[in-house]
C-alpha atoms as a PDB file:
ATOM      1  CA  MET A   1     -31.375 -17.140  10.657  1.00  0.00           C
ATOM      2  CA  LYS A   2     -27.382 -16.632   9.308  1.00  0.00           C
ATOM      3  CA  LYS A   3     -26.463 -13.574   8.405  1.00  0.00           C
ATOM      4  CA  ILE A   4     -23.456 -11.888   6.548  1.00  0.00           C
ATOM      5  CA  ILE A   5     -21.463  -9.189   9.406  1.00  0.00           C
ATOM      6  CA  THR A   6     -22.462  -5.758   7.970  1.00  0.00           C
ATOM      7  CA  ALA A   7     -23.410  -3.997  11.022  1.00  0.00           C
ATOM      8  CA  THR A   8     -21.491  -0.138  11.814  1.00  0.00           C
ATOM      9  CA  VAL A   9     -19.309  -0.293  14.902  1.00  0.00           C
ATOM     10  CA  ALA A  10     -18.988   2.497  17.221  1.00  0.00           C
ATOM     11  CA  LEU A  11     -16.429   4.786  16.641  1.00  0.00           C
ATOM     12  CA  THR A  12     -15.171   3.987  20.262  1.00  0.00           C
ATOM     13  CA  VAL A  13     -14.339   0.549  19.151  1.00  0.00           C
ATOM     14  CA  LEU A  14     -13.258   1.310  15.920  1.00  0.00           C
ATOM     15  CA  LEU A  15     -10.326   3.613  17.509  1.00  0.00           C
ATOM     16  CA  GLY A  16      -9.487   0.702  20.561  1.00  0.00           C
ATOM     17  CA  ILE A  17      -9.016  -1.959  17.835  1.00  0.00           C
ATOM     18  CA  THR A  18      -7.146   0.315  15.125  1.00  0.00           C
ATOM     19  CA  LEU A  19      -4.721   2.513  17.311  1.00  0.00           C
ATOM     20  CA  GLY A  20      -3.292   0.272  19.466  1.00  0.00           C
ATOM     21  CA  GLY A  21       0.432   0.836  20.348  1.00  0.00           C
ATOM     22  CA  CYS A  22       3.547  -1.318  19.619  1.00  0.00           C
ATOM     23  CA  ASP A  23       4.402  -3.922  22.403  1.00  0.00           C
ATOM     24  CA  SER A  24       6.787  -1.891  24.335  1.00  0.00           C
ATOM     25  CA  ARG A  25       9.625  -4.651  24.172  1.00  0.00           C
ATOM     26  CA  VAL A  26       9.896  -4.648  20.530  1.00  0.00           C
ATOM     27  CA  VAL A  27      12.957  -2.263  19.264  1.00  0.00           C
ATOM     28  CA  ILE A  28      11.700   0.315  17.136  1.00  0.00           C
ATOM     29  CA  ASP A  29      14.840   1.418  14.571  1.00  0.00           C
ATOM     30  CA  PRO A  30      14.658   3.614  11.701  1.00  0.00           C
ATOM     31  CA  GLN A  31      14.946   1.862   8.347  1.00  0.00           C
ATOM     32  CA  PRO A  32      17.671   3.483   6.535  1.00  0.00           C
ATOM     33  CA  ILE A  33      16.781   4.387   2.951  1.00  0.00           C
ATOM     34  CA  ALA A  34      19.931   4.917   0.312  1.00  0.00           C
ATOM     35  CA  PRO A  35      19.111   8.134  -1.246  1.00  0.00           C
ATOM     36  CA  LEU A  36      19.423   6.264  -4.876  1.00  0.00           C
ATOM     37  CA  TYR A  37      17.938   9.469  -6.691  1.00  0.00           C
ATOM     38  CA  LYS A  38      20.404  11.392  -5.490  1.00  0.00           C
ATOM     39  CA  TYR A  39      23.677   9.587  -6.119  1.00  0.00           C
ATOM     40  CA  LEU A  40      22.713   8.941  -9.892  1.00  0.00           C
ATOM     41  CA  ALA A  41      22.200  12.131 -10.273  1.00  0.00           C
ATOM     42  CA  GLU A  42      25.466  13.403  -9.076  1.00  0.00           C
ATOM     43  CA  TYR A  43      27.060  10.224 -11.081  1.00  0.00           C
ATOM     44  CA  LYS A  44      28.505  12.397 -13.768  1.00  0.00           C
ATOM     45  CA  GLN A  45      30.572  14.177 -11.774  1.00  0.00           C
ATOM     46  CA  MET A  46      31.716  11.706  -9.267  1.00  0.00           C
ATOM     47  CA  PRO A  47      35.348  11.667  -9.230  1.00  0.00           C
ATOM     48  CA  GLU A  48      36.718   8.485 -10.619  1.00  0.00           C
ATOM     49  CA  TRP A  49      36.913   6.841  -6.760  1.00  0.00           C
ATOM     50  CA  ARG A  50      33.895   8.296  -5.978  1.00  0.00           C
ATOM     51  CA  ARG A  51      32.067   6.390  -8.821  1.00  0.00           C
ATOM     52  CA  ASP A  52      33.807   2.755  -7.971  1.00  0.00           C
ATOM     53  CA  SER A  53      32.902   3.129  -4.374  1.00  0.00           C
ATOM     54  CA  PHE A  54      29.414   4.079  -5.099  1.00  0.00           C
ATOM     55  CA  GLU A  55      28.869   1.266  -7.387  1.00  0.00           C
ATOM     56  CA  THR A  56      30.393  -1.152  -4.584  1.00  0.00           C
ATOM     57  CA  VAL A  57      28.722  -0.084  -2.033  1.00  0.00           C
ATOM     58  CA  ASP A  58      25.154   0.556  -3.169  1.00  0.00           C
ATOM     59  CA  SER A  59      25.375  -2.187  -5.952  1.00  0.00           C
ATOM     60  CA  LEU A  60      22.396  -4.087  -4.379  1.00  0.00           C
ATOM     61  CA  PRO A  61      20.091  -1.110  -4.582  1.00  0.00           C
ATOM     62  CA  LEU A  62      21.329  -0.225  -8.077  1.00  0.00           C
ATOM     63  CA  ARG A  63      21.130  -3.276  -9.487  1.00  0.00           C
ATOM     64  CA  ALA A  64      17.663  -3.901  -8.679  1.00  0.00           C
ATOM     65  CA  MET A  65      16.368  -0.518  -9.985  1.00  0.00           C
ATOM     66  CA  PHE A  66      18.222  -1.290 -13.351  1.00  0.00           C
ATOM     67  CA  SER A  67      16.887  -5.214 -13.278  1.00  0.00           C
ATOM     68  CA  PHE A  68      13.635  -3.515 -12.564  1.00  0.00           C
ATOM     69  CA  MET A  69      13.844  -1.234 -16.007  1.00  0.00           C
ATOM     70  CA  GLY A  70      15.271  -4.004 -17.916  1.00  0.00           C
ATOM     71  CA  VAL A  71      19.092  -3.245 -17.738  1.00  0.00           C
ATOM     72  CA  ASP A  72      21.060  -5.933 -16.821  1.00  0.00           C
ATOM     73  CA  SER A  73      24.118  -4.937 -17.652  1.00  0.00           C
ATOM     74  CA  LEU A  74      25.900  -2.128 -15.403  1.00  0.00           C
ATOM     75  CA  GLY A  75      28.833   0.345 -16.418  1.00  0.00           C
ATOM     76  CA  ASP A  76      29.769   4.082 -16.008  1.00  0.00           C
ATOM     77  CA  SER A  77      28.353   4.411 -19.725  1.00  0.00           C
ATOM     78  CA  VAL A  78      24.936   3.160 -18.698  1.00  0.00           C
ATOM     79  CA  LEU A  79      25.346   5.384 -15.334  1.00  0.00           C
ATOM     80  CA  VAL A  80      26.233   8.286 -16.909  1.00  0.00           C
ATOM     81  CA  ARG A  81      23.732   8.465 -19.485  1.00  0.00           C
ATOM     82  CA  TRP A  82      20.937   7.142 -16.526  1.00  0.00           C
ATOM     83  CA  SER A  83      22.564  10.399 -14.826  1.00  0.00           C
ATOM     84  CA  GLU A  84      21.740  12.705 -18.143  1.00  0.00           C
ATOM     85  CA  SER A  85      18.240  11.503 -18.595  1.00  0.00           C
ATOM     86  CA  PRO A  86      15.066  13.129 -18.804  1.00  0.00           C
ATOM     87  CA  GLN A  87      13.719  11.517 -15.439  1.00  0.00           C
ATOM     88  CA  VAL A  88      15.989  12.380 -13.806  1.00  0.00           C
ATOM     89  CA  LYS A  89      16.807  16.427 -14.329  1.00  0.00           C
ATOM     90  CA  ILE A  90      13.184  17.087 -14.116  1.00  0.00           C
ATOM     91  CA  PHE A  91      12.471  14.326 -10.973  1.00  0.00           C
ATOM     92  CA  THR A  92      15.296  15.578  -8.724  1.00  0.00           C
ATOM     93  CA  PRO A  93      15.551  18.718  -8.562  1.00  0.00           C
ATOM     94  CA  SER A  94      10.989  18.458  -7.641  1.00  0.00           C
ATOM     95  CA  VAL A  95      12.177  15.661  -4.994  1.00  0.00           C
ATOM     96  CA  ASP A  96      14.874  17.684  -3.489  1.00  0.00           C
ATOM     97  CA  SER A  97      12.129  20.679  -2.998  1.00  0.00           C
ATOM     98  CA  VAL A  98       9.880  18.398  -1.059  1.00  0.00           C
ATOM     99  CA  TYR A  99      11.712  15.988   1.027  1.00  0.00           C
ATOM    100  CA  LYS A 100      14.851  18.288   2.240  1.00  0.00           C
ATOM    101  CA  THR A 101      15.310  14.764   4.633  1.00  0.00           C
ATOM    102  CA  LEU A 102      14.176  11.500   4.360  1.00  0.00           C
ATOM    103  CA  LYS A 103      15.106  10.790   8.185  1.00  0.00           C
ATOM    104  CA  PRO A 104      10.975  11.292   8.959  1.00  0.00           C
ATOM    105  CA  ILE A 105      10.529   8.738   5.893  1.00  0.00           C
ATOM    106  CA  GLU A 106      12.905   6.214   7.612  1.00  0.00           C
ATOM    107  CA  ALA A 107      11.811   6.808  11.081  1.00  0.00           C
ATOM    108  CA  THR A 108       8.080   5.929   9.772  1.00  0.00           C
ATOM    109  CA  LEU A 109       9.423   2.488   8.215  1.00  0.00           C
ATOM    110  CA  GLY A 110      10.926   1.558  11.483  1.00  0.00           C
ATOM    111  CA  ARG A 111       7.628   1.581  13.343  1.00  0.00           C
ATOM    112  CA  ILE A 112       5.904   0.435  10.614  1.00  0.00           C
ATOM    113  CA  GLU A 113       8.557  -2.913  10.783  1.00  0.00           C
ATOM    114  CA  ALA A 114       8.302  -2.813  14.569  1.00  0.00           C
ATOM    115  CA  LYS A 115       4.507  -2.975  14.616  1.00  0.00           C
ATOM    116  CA  ALA A 116       4.451  -5.777  12.233  1.00  0.00           C
ATOM    117  CA  GLN A 117       6.983  -7.640  14.235  1.00  0.00           C
ATOM    118  CA  ASN A 118       4.666  -7.311  17.298  1.00  0.00           C
ATOM    119  CA  GLU A 119       1.379  -7.820  15.136  1.00  0.00           C
ATOM    120  CA  GLY A 120       3.259 -11.283  14.228  1.00  0.00           C
ATOM    121  CA  PHE A 121       4.051 -10.942  10.516  1.00  0.00           C
ATOM    122  CA  VAL A 122       6.738 -12.513   9.433  1.00  0.00           C
ATOM    123  CA  LEU A 123       8.782 -10.020   7.015  1.00  0.00           C
ATOM    124  CA  PRO A 124      11.823 -11.015   5.079  1.00  0.00           C
ATOM    125  CA  HIS A 125      14.680  -8.282   5.711  1.00  0.00           C
ATOM    126  CA  ARG A 126      15.189  -5.842   2.310  1.00  0.00           C
ATOM    127  CA  SER A 127      16.754  -2.045   2.334  1.00  0.00           C
ATOM    128  CA  TYR A 128      15.017   0.173   1.130  1.00  0.00           C
ATOM    129  CA  ALA A 129      16.239   2.725  -1.651  1.00  0.00           C
ATOM    130  CA  ALA A 130      14.539   5.984  -2.675  1.00  0.00           C
ATOM    131  CA  VAL A 131      14.384   6.404  -6.610  1.00  0.00           C
ATOM    132  CA  VAL A 132      13.066   8.343  -9.324  1.00  0.00           C
ATOM    133  CA  TRP A 133      11.763   7.135 -12.501  1.00  0.00           C
ATOM    134  CA  GLY A 134       9.040   7.156 -15.335  1.00  0.00           C
ATOM    135  CA  ASN A 135       7.292   4.151 -14.644  1.00  0.00           C
ATOM    136  CA  SER A 136       3.963   3.820 -13.359  1.00  0.00           C
ATOM    137  CA  LYS A 137       4.925   1.995 -10.660  1.00  0.00           C
ATOM    138  CA  SER A 138       5.237   3.776  -7.386  1.00  0.00           C
ATOM    139  CA  VAL A 139       6.714   1.036  -4.880  1.00  0.00           C
ATOM    140  CA  VAL A 140       8.612  -1.680  -6.432  1.00  0.00           C
ATOM    141  CA  LEU A 141       9.949  -4.483  -4.123  1.00  0.00           C
ATOM    142  CA  THR A 142      12.547  -7.524  -4.824  1.00  0.00           C
ATOM    143  CA  ASP A 143      14.319 -10.142  -3.305  1.00  0.00           C
ATOM    144  CA  SER A 144      17.044  -8.057  -1.951  1.00  0.00           C
ATOM    145  CA  CYS A 145      15.199  -4.488  -1.645  1.00  0.00           C
ATOM    146  CA  VAL A 146      12.441  -1.751  -1.010  1.00  0.00           C
ATOM    147  CA  LEU A 147      12.750   0.941  -4.388  1.00  0.00           C
ATOM    148  CA  ILE A 148      10.652   3.565  -3.385  1.00  0.00           C
ATOM    149  CA  ALA A 149       9.703   5.795  -6.012  1.00  0.00           C
ATOM    150  CA  LEU A 150       9.848   9.360  -4.530  1.00  0.00           C
ATOM    151  CA  ASN A 151       8.553  11.153  -7.985  1.00  0.00           C
ATOM    152  CA  HIS A 152       5.480   9.415  -7.256  1.00  0.00           C
ATOM    153  CA  TYR A 153       4.960  11.537  -3.830  1.00  0.00           C
ATOM    154  CA  LEU A 154       5.176  15.333  -4.871  1.00  0.00           C
ATOM    155  CA  GLY A 155       1.877  16.078  -3.913  1.00  0.00           C
ATOM    156  CA  PRO A 156      -1.697  16.229  -5.861  1.00  0.00           C
ATOM    157  CA  ASP A 157      -0.605  19.551  -6.953  1.00  0.00           C
ATOM    158  CA  TYR A 158       2.739  18.612  -8.683  1.00  0.00           C
ATOM    159  CA  ILE A 159       2.921  20.264 -12.280  1.00  0.00           C
ATOM    160  CA  GLY A 160       4.079  16.935 -13.435  1.00  0.00           C
ATOM    161  CA  TYR A 161       0.078  15.058 -12.831  1.00  0.00           C
ATOM    162  CA  LYS A 162      -1.508  17.789 -14.443  1.00  0.00           C
ATOM    163  CA  GLY A 163      -4.175  16.105 -16.469  1.00  0.00           C
ATOM    164  CA  TRP A 164      -4.306  13.225 -14.195  1.00  0.00           C
ATOM    165  CA  PRO A 165      -7.723  11.768 -13.147  1.00  0.00           C
ATOM    166  CA  GLU A 166      -8.168  13.208  -9.453  1.00  0.00           C
ATOM    167  CA  TYR A 167      -8.761   9.763  -8.030  1.00  0.00           C
ATOM    168  CA  LEU A 168      -5.360   9.115  -9.108  1.00  0.00           C
ATOM    169  CA  ARG A 169      -3.456  12.328  -8.112  1.00  0.00           C
ATOM    170  CA  LEU A 170      -4.840  12.229  -4.414  1.00  0.00           C
ATOM    171  CA  GLN A 171      -2.816   9.183  -3.825  1.00  0.00           C
ATOM    172  CA  LYS A 172       0.121  10.935  -4.982  1.00  0.00           C
ATOM    173  CA  SER A 173       1.109  12.607  -1.440  1.00  0.00           C
ATOM    174  CA  PRO A 174       4.189  12.149   0.739  1.00  0.00           C
ATOM    175  CA  GLU A 175       1.599  11.383   3.424  1.00  0.00           C
ATOM    176  CA  GLN A 176       0.401   8.335   1.385  1.00  0.00           C
ATOM    177  CA  LEU A 177       3.693   6.741   0.893  1.00  0.00           C
ATOM    178  CA  PRO A 178       3.653   4.978   4.024  1.00  0.00           C
ATOM    179  CA  TYR A 179       0.478   3.267   3.237  1.00  0.00           C
ATOM    180  CA  ASP A 180       1.696   2.242   0.166  1.00  0.00           C
ATOM    181  CA  VAL A 181       4.813   0.828   1.148  1.00  0.00           C
ATOM    182  CA  THR A 182       2.641  -1.301   4.125  1.00  0.00           C
ATOM    183  CA  GLU A 183       0.282  -2.550   1.234  1.00  0.00           C
ATOM    184  CA  ALA A 184       3.429  -3.727  -0.773  1.00  0.00           C
ATOM    185  CA  LEU A 185       5.240  -5.337   1.875  1.00  0.00           C
ATOM    186  CA  LEU A 186       2.307  -6.939   3.026  1.00  0.00           C
ATOM    187  CA  ALA A 187       0.821  -8.170  -0.342  1.00  0.00           C
ATOM    188  CA  THR A 188       3.956  -9.729  -1.549  1.00  0.00           C
ATOM    189  CA  GLN A 189       4.258 -11.699   1.577  1.00  0.00           C
ATOM    190  CA  TYR A 190       1.133 -12.690   1.882  1.00  0.00           C
ATOM    191  CA  PRO A 191      -0.684 -12.474  -1.980  1.00  0.00           C
ATOM    192  CA  TYR A 192      -4.244 -13.474  -2.044  1.00  0.00           C
ATOM    193  CA  ASN A 193      -4.883 -16.506  -3.873  1.00  0.00           C
ATOM    194  CA  PRO A 194      -7.388 -16.332  -6.496  1.00  0.00           C
ATOM    195  CA  GLY A 195      -8.721 -19.773  -6.653  1.00  0.00           C
ATOM    196  CA  LYS A 196     -11.293 -20.306  -9.461  1.00  0.00           C
ATOM    197  CA  GLU A 197     -13.561 -21.235  -6.447  1.00  0.00           C
ATOM    198  CA  ASN A 198     -12.844 -18.120  -4.487  1.00  0.00           C
ATOM    199  CA  THR A 199     -16.069 -15.810  -4.455  1.00  0.00           C
ATOM    200  CA  VAL A 200     -16.175 -12.094  -4.192  1.00  0.00           C
ATOM    201  CA  LEU A 201     -16.778 -12.244  -0.431  1.00  0.00           C
ATOM    202  CA  SER A 202     -13.655 -13.748  -0.177  1.00  0.00           C
ATOM    203  CA  ARG A 203     -11.722 -11.066  -2.078  1.00  0.00           C
ATOM    204  CA  ILE A 204     -13.368  -8.050  -0.300  1.00  0.00           C
ATOM    205  CA  ALA A 205     -12.500 -10.461   3.021  1.00  0.00           C
ATOM    206  CA  TYR A 206      -8.670 -10.386   2.463  1.00  0.00           C
ATOM    207  CA  GLU A 207      -8.834  -6.503   1.282  1.00  0.00           C
ATOM    208  CA  GLY A 208     -10.574  -5.309   4.300  1.00  0.00           C
ATOM    209  CA  ALA A 209      -8.022  -7.615   6.183  1.00  0.00           C
ATOM    210  CA  LEU A 210      -5.269  -5.013   4.275  1.00  0.00           C
ATOM    211  CA  ILE A 211      -7.017  -2.427   4.870  1.00  0.00           C
ATOM    212  CA  MET A 212      -7.272  -2.897   8.717  1.00  0.00           C
ATOM    213  CA  ALA A 213      -3.117  -3.741   8.778  1.00  0.00           C
ATOM    214  CA  LYS A 214      -2.400  -0.655   7.435  1.00  0.00           C
ATOM    215  CA  VAL A 215      -4.814   1.149   9.963  1.00  0.00           C
ATOM    216  CA  ARG A 216      -3.078  -0.681  12.361  1.00  0.00           C
ATOM    217  CA  LEU A 217       1.030  -0.990  11.032  1.00  0.00           C
ATOM    218  CA  VAL A 218       1.416   2.911   9.780  1.00  0.00           C
ATOM    219  CA  PRO A 219       1.908   5.117  13.102  1.00  0.00           C
ATOM    220  CA  GLN A 220      -0.990   7.361  13.675  1.00  0.00           C
ATOM    221  CA  GLY A 221      -2.952   5.401  10.659  1.00  0.00           C
ATOM    222  CA  THR A 222      -6.418   6.604   8.996  1.00  0.00           C
ATOM    223  CA  LEU A 223      -8.981   4.497   7.706  1.00  0.00           C
ATOM    224  CA  GLU A 224      -9.384   7.732   4.883  1.00  0.00           C
ATOM    225  CA  ARG A 225      -5.615   7.158   3.845  1.00  0.00           C
ATOM    226  CA  ALA A 226      -5.751   3.616   4.138  1.00  0.00           C
ATOM    227  CA  LEU A 227      -8.721   3.503   1.953  1.00  0.00           C
ATOM    228  CA  GLY A 228      -6.945   6.034  -0.329  1.00  0.00           C
ATOM    229  CA  CYS A 229     -10.249   8.364  -0.286  1.00  0.00           C
ATOM    230  CA  THR A 230     -11.479  11.731   0.389  1.00  0.00           C
ATOM    231  CA  ALA A 231     -13.260  12.643   3.446  1.00  0.00           C
ATOM    232  CA  THR A 232     -16.242  13.215   1.318  1.00  0.00           C
ATOM    233  CA  GLU A 233     -16.020   9.810  -0.197  1.00  0.00           C
ATOM    234  CA  LEU A 234     -15.833   7.993   3.317  1.00  0.00           C
ATOM    235  CA  GLN A 235     -18.121   9.560   5.015  1.00  0.00           C
ATOM    236  CA  TRP A 236     -20.856   8.942   1.865  1.00  0.00           C
ATOM    237  CA  LEU A 237     -19.479   5.406   2.184  1.00  0.00           C
ATOM    238  CA  GLU A 238     -20.363   5.376   6.015  1.00  0.00           C
ATOM    239  CA  HIS A 239     -23.656   7.002   5.484  1.00  0.00           C
ATOM    240  CA  ASN A 240     -24.453   4.505   2.440  1.00  0.00           C
ATOM    241  CA  GLN A 241     -23.335   1.127   3.812  1.00  0.00           C
ATOM    242  CA  ALA A 242     -26.074  -0.427   4.172  1.00  0.00           C
ATOM    243  CA  ASP A 243     -27.216   0.208   1.040  1.00  0.00           C
ATOM    244  CA  ILE A 244     -24.151  -1.445  -0.649  1.00  0.00           C
ATOM    245  CA  TRP A 245     -24.579  -4.172   1.011  1.00  0.00           C
ATOM    246  CA  ASN A 246     -27.986  -4.697  -0.072  1.00  0.00           C
ATOM    247  CA  MET A 247     -26.762  -4.122  -3.702  1.00  0.00           C
ATOM    248  CA  LEU A 248     -24.196  -7.404  -3.509  1.00  0.00           C
ATOM    249  CA  VAL A 249     -26.782  -9.038  -2.217  1.00  0.00           C
ATOM    250  CA  ALA A 250     -29.798  -8.140  -4.565  1.00  0.00           C
ATOM    251  CA  LYS A 251     -27.400  -8.411  -7.278  1.00  0.00           C
ATOM    252  CA  GLU A 252     -26.174 -12.037  -6.198  1.00  0.00           C
ATOM    253  CA  PHE A 253     -22.392 -11.227  -6.258  1.00  0.00           C
ATOM    254  CA  LEU A 254     -21.094 -11.601  -2.544  1.00  0.00           C
ATOM    255  CA  TYR A 255     -21.183 -15.498  -3.507  1.00  0.00           C
ATOM    256  CA  SER A 256     -20.275 -15.184  -7.248  1.00  0.00           C
ATOM    257  CA  THR A 257     -16.661 -16.637  -8.512  1.00  0.00           C
ATOM    258  CA  SER A 258     -16.141 -13.972 -11.056  1.00  0.00           C
ATOM    259  CA  GLN A 259     -13.141 -12.452 -10.835  1.00  0.00           C
ATOM    260  CA  GLU A 260     -14.155  -8.973 -12.692  1.00  0.00           C
ATOM    261  CA  VAL A 261     -16.466  -8.572 -10.320  1.00  0.00           C
ATOM    262  CA  ALA A 262     -14.348  -8.942  -7.558  1.00  0.00           C
ATOM    263  CA  SER A 263     -11.669  -6.929  -9.117  1.00  0.00           C
ATOM    264  CA  ARG A 264     -14.332  -3.898 -10.052  1.00  0.00           C
ATOM    265  CA  LEU A 265     -15.319  -4.096  -6.484  1.00  0.00           C
ATOM    266  CA  VAL A 266     -12.049  -3.099  -4.632  1.00  0.00           C
ATOM    267  CA  ASP A 267      -9.128  -1.735  -7.834  1.00  0.00           C
ATOM    268  CA  PRO A 268      -8.516   1.723  -7.878  1.00  0.00           C
ATOM    269  CA  ALA A 269     -11.327   3.824 -10.407  1.00  0.00           C
ATOM    270  CA  PRO A 270     -12.860   6.861 -10.061  1.00  0.00           C
ATOM    271  CA  ARG A 271     -16.174   5.383  -9.540  1.00  0.00           C
ATOM    272  CA  THR A 272     -17.640   1.394  -8.586  1.00  0.00           C
ATOM    273  CA  SER A 273     -19.686   1.766 -11.379  1.00  0.00           C
ATOM    274  CA  VAL A 274     -20.718  -2.059 -11.100  1.00  0.00           C
ATOM    275  CA  LEU A 275     -22.437  -0.830  -8.052  1.00  0.00           C
ATOM    276  CA  GLY A 276     -23.809   2.570  -9.213  1.00  0.00           C
ATOM    277  CA  ALA A 277     -21.949   5.678 -10.607  1.00  0.00           C
ATOM    278  CA  GLU A 278     -23.103   7.365  -7.556  1.00  0.00           C
ATOM    279  CA  VAL A 279     -20.569   4.866  -5.805  1.00  0.00           C
ATOM    280  CA  PRO A 280     -17.167   6.208  -4.853  1.00  0.00           C
ATOM    281  CA  GLY A 281     -14.364   4.082  -6.315  1.00  0.00           C
ATOM    282  CA  ARG A 282     -13.123   0.426  -4.399  1.00  0.00           C
ATOM    283  CA  ALA A 283     -16.242   0.419  -2.094  1.00  0.00           C
ATOM    284  CA  GLY A 284     -15.330  -3.295  -1.820  1.00  0.00           C
ATOM    285  CA  ARG A 285     -12.044  -2.688   0.284  1.00  0.00           C
ATOM    286  CA  PHE A 286     -14.659  -0.588   2.640  1.00  0.00           C
ATOM    287  CA  LEU A 287     -16.997  -3.178   3.214  1.00  0.00           C
ATOM    288  CA  GLY A 288     -14.142  -5.664   3.910  1.00  0.00           C
ATOM    289  CA  TYR A 289     -12.798  -3.316   5.889  1.00  0.00           C
ATOM    290  CA  TYR A 290     -16.003  -3.165   8.079  1.00  0.00           C
ATOM    291  CA  LEU A 291     -16.432  -6.825   7.694  1.00  0.00           C
ATOM    292  CA  ILE A 292     -13.104  -7.457   9.387  1.00  0.00           C
ATOM    293  CA  LEU A 293     -13.695  -5.478  11.985  1.00  0.00           C
ATOM    294  CA  GLN A 294     -16.642  -6.709  13.035  1.00  0.00           C
ATOM    295  CA  TYR A 295     -15.108 -10.281  13.143  1.00  0.00           C
ATOM    296  CA  LEU A 296     -12.418  -8.833  15.459  1.00  0.00           C
ATOM    297  CA  GLN A 297     -14.417  -7.872  17.810  1.00  0.00           C
ATOM    298  CA  ALA A 298     -16.176 -10.769  17.467  1.00  0.00           C
ATOM    299  CA  ASN A 299     -13.010 -12.682  17.645  1.00  0.00           C
ATOM    300  CA  PRO A 300     -10.605 -10.285  19.400  1.00  0.00           C
ATOM    301  CA  GLU A 301      -7.787 -12.846  19.781  1.00  0.00           C
ATOM    302  CA  THR A 302      -7.607 -13.693  15.787  1.00  0.00           C
ATOM    303  CA  SER A 303      -4.034 -12.181  14.505  1.00  0.00           C
ATOM    304  CA  LEU A 304      -4.003  -9.962  11.936  1.00  0.00           C
ATOM    305  CA  PRO A 305      -2.089 -12.237   9.512  1.00  0.00           C
ATOM    306  CA  SER A 306      -4.079 -15.493  10.030  1.00  0.00           C
ATOM    307  CA  LEU A 307      -7.202 -12.929   8.234  1.00  0.00           C
ATOM    308  CA  LEU A 308      -4.665 -12.690   5.050  1.00  0.00           C
ATOM    309  CA  GLN A 309      -4.484 -16.186   4.773  1.00  0.00           C
ATOM    310  CA  PRO A 310      -6.809 -18.911   2.411  1.00  0.00           C
ATOM    311  CA  GLY A 311      -7.922 -20.080   5.249  1.00  0.00           C
ATOM    312  CA  PHE A 312      -9.565 -17.693   6.610  1.00  0.00           C
ATOM    313  CA  TYR A 313     -10.889 -15.345   3.627  1.00  0.00           C
ATOM    314  CA  THR A 314     -11.970 -18.728   1.622  1.00  0.00           C
ATOM    315  CA  ASN A 315     -13.775 -19.915   4.524  1.00  0.00           C
ATOM    316  CA  PRO A 316     -17.243 -18.532   4.127  1.00  0.00           C
ATOM    317  CA  ALA A 317     -18.259 -19.798   7.561  1.00  0.00           C
ATOM    318  CA  VAL A 318     -15.769 -17.297   9.622  1.00  0.00           C
ATOM    319  CA  LEU A 319     -17.790 -14.212   7.648  1.00  0.00           C
ATOM    320  CA  ILE A 320     -21.442 -15.215   9.020  1.00  0.00           C
ATOM    321  CA  SER A 321     -22.971 -15.005  12.847  1.00  0.00           C
ATOM    322  CA  GLU A 322     -25.552 -16.890  13.765  1.00  0.00           C
END
C-alpha cells in the first residue's frame, strides 16, 4: 500500500543532512556590499567632484534602486531630494546604529554563494547594495543587483515596527537577513511553476525544498530561522506533525489543484487557518521540509537544485513510497 512520506526523522539524521560543510576546493570570497544608503544620505554634502564620481562608480545599483522605485531619470536634483527624504533621515541613523560595519554580512553572503556553487546551483552574478526605503519589500533582485533594504532588519523591538503584527516583527531581525537573501536568490532562479494541474502537494514539496536549501546554504542554518517561526511554534509543529498531515488528508487538500488552498498553507500569516486556528502560520512549509528531508534520506544522491525543478515537485510518484 502506498503512503505519503511523513515520518519524523531522528535529530541525528537531520543534523547530518542539513549541516554538511562546503567542499574545501570551493573558494569562499566575501561578497562586497555597496553601502548605497550611506552614500545617498551624504549626497547633499558631497563636493561636486565626489558627486560625479559617485554617480559613475555606483551607477548600476543606483539606477537599479531608483528604477525599482519608479524613477527612470536620475540627476543631481533627484539625488539631493532623496538625501533629504524622510526615509533617509529616519532610517539611516537607525541602520548605522545596528550595522556598524557590513563586513559580517559580506562574509556570510560569500559563504552562501560558495555553498550554493558546491550544491550545484547556477546563480547569475549580481552585485549587492544596501539601501533604505519605505517600500514593503526587504530584498529585491534586478538583472544586475541584489538590493537589501537594511531598514527591514533592525530588530523586532525597533520602534518603527510598533503596531505591526507579531509574526511580521519577528522576521525583522538581522539574523533573518541571510535567509531572506538566500530565498530571493533561489526563488528567482528556480521559481515555482504554478501550472493549472499542480496540486497542493507539489507546492508543499517546492516550498520544502526552498526551506531545505536555506538550512543548508546559510552558515549554521537552523530550521527555526529558515521557516521564520518561533521555537515554541516549531515545537508545536513537530509535536503535531502527524495530526496536521491527517487534517490535509481528511480535507482532501493534498491532491487538490486549488492554488488558493496552497497559498494559504505556505504564505506568511499568524495562523494556518485553513487547517485550524491553533496551527502556526506557514505549516505547509514545515510539512514540505520534512517531506524533502525524508526523500533525501531515501535518495541521498539527489541534488538540491533538482528538487526545485517542476520535474520533481509536479510528479507525485517521487513523493510516495511503497
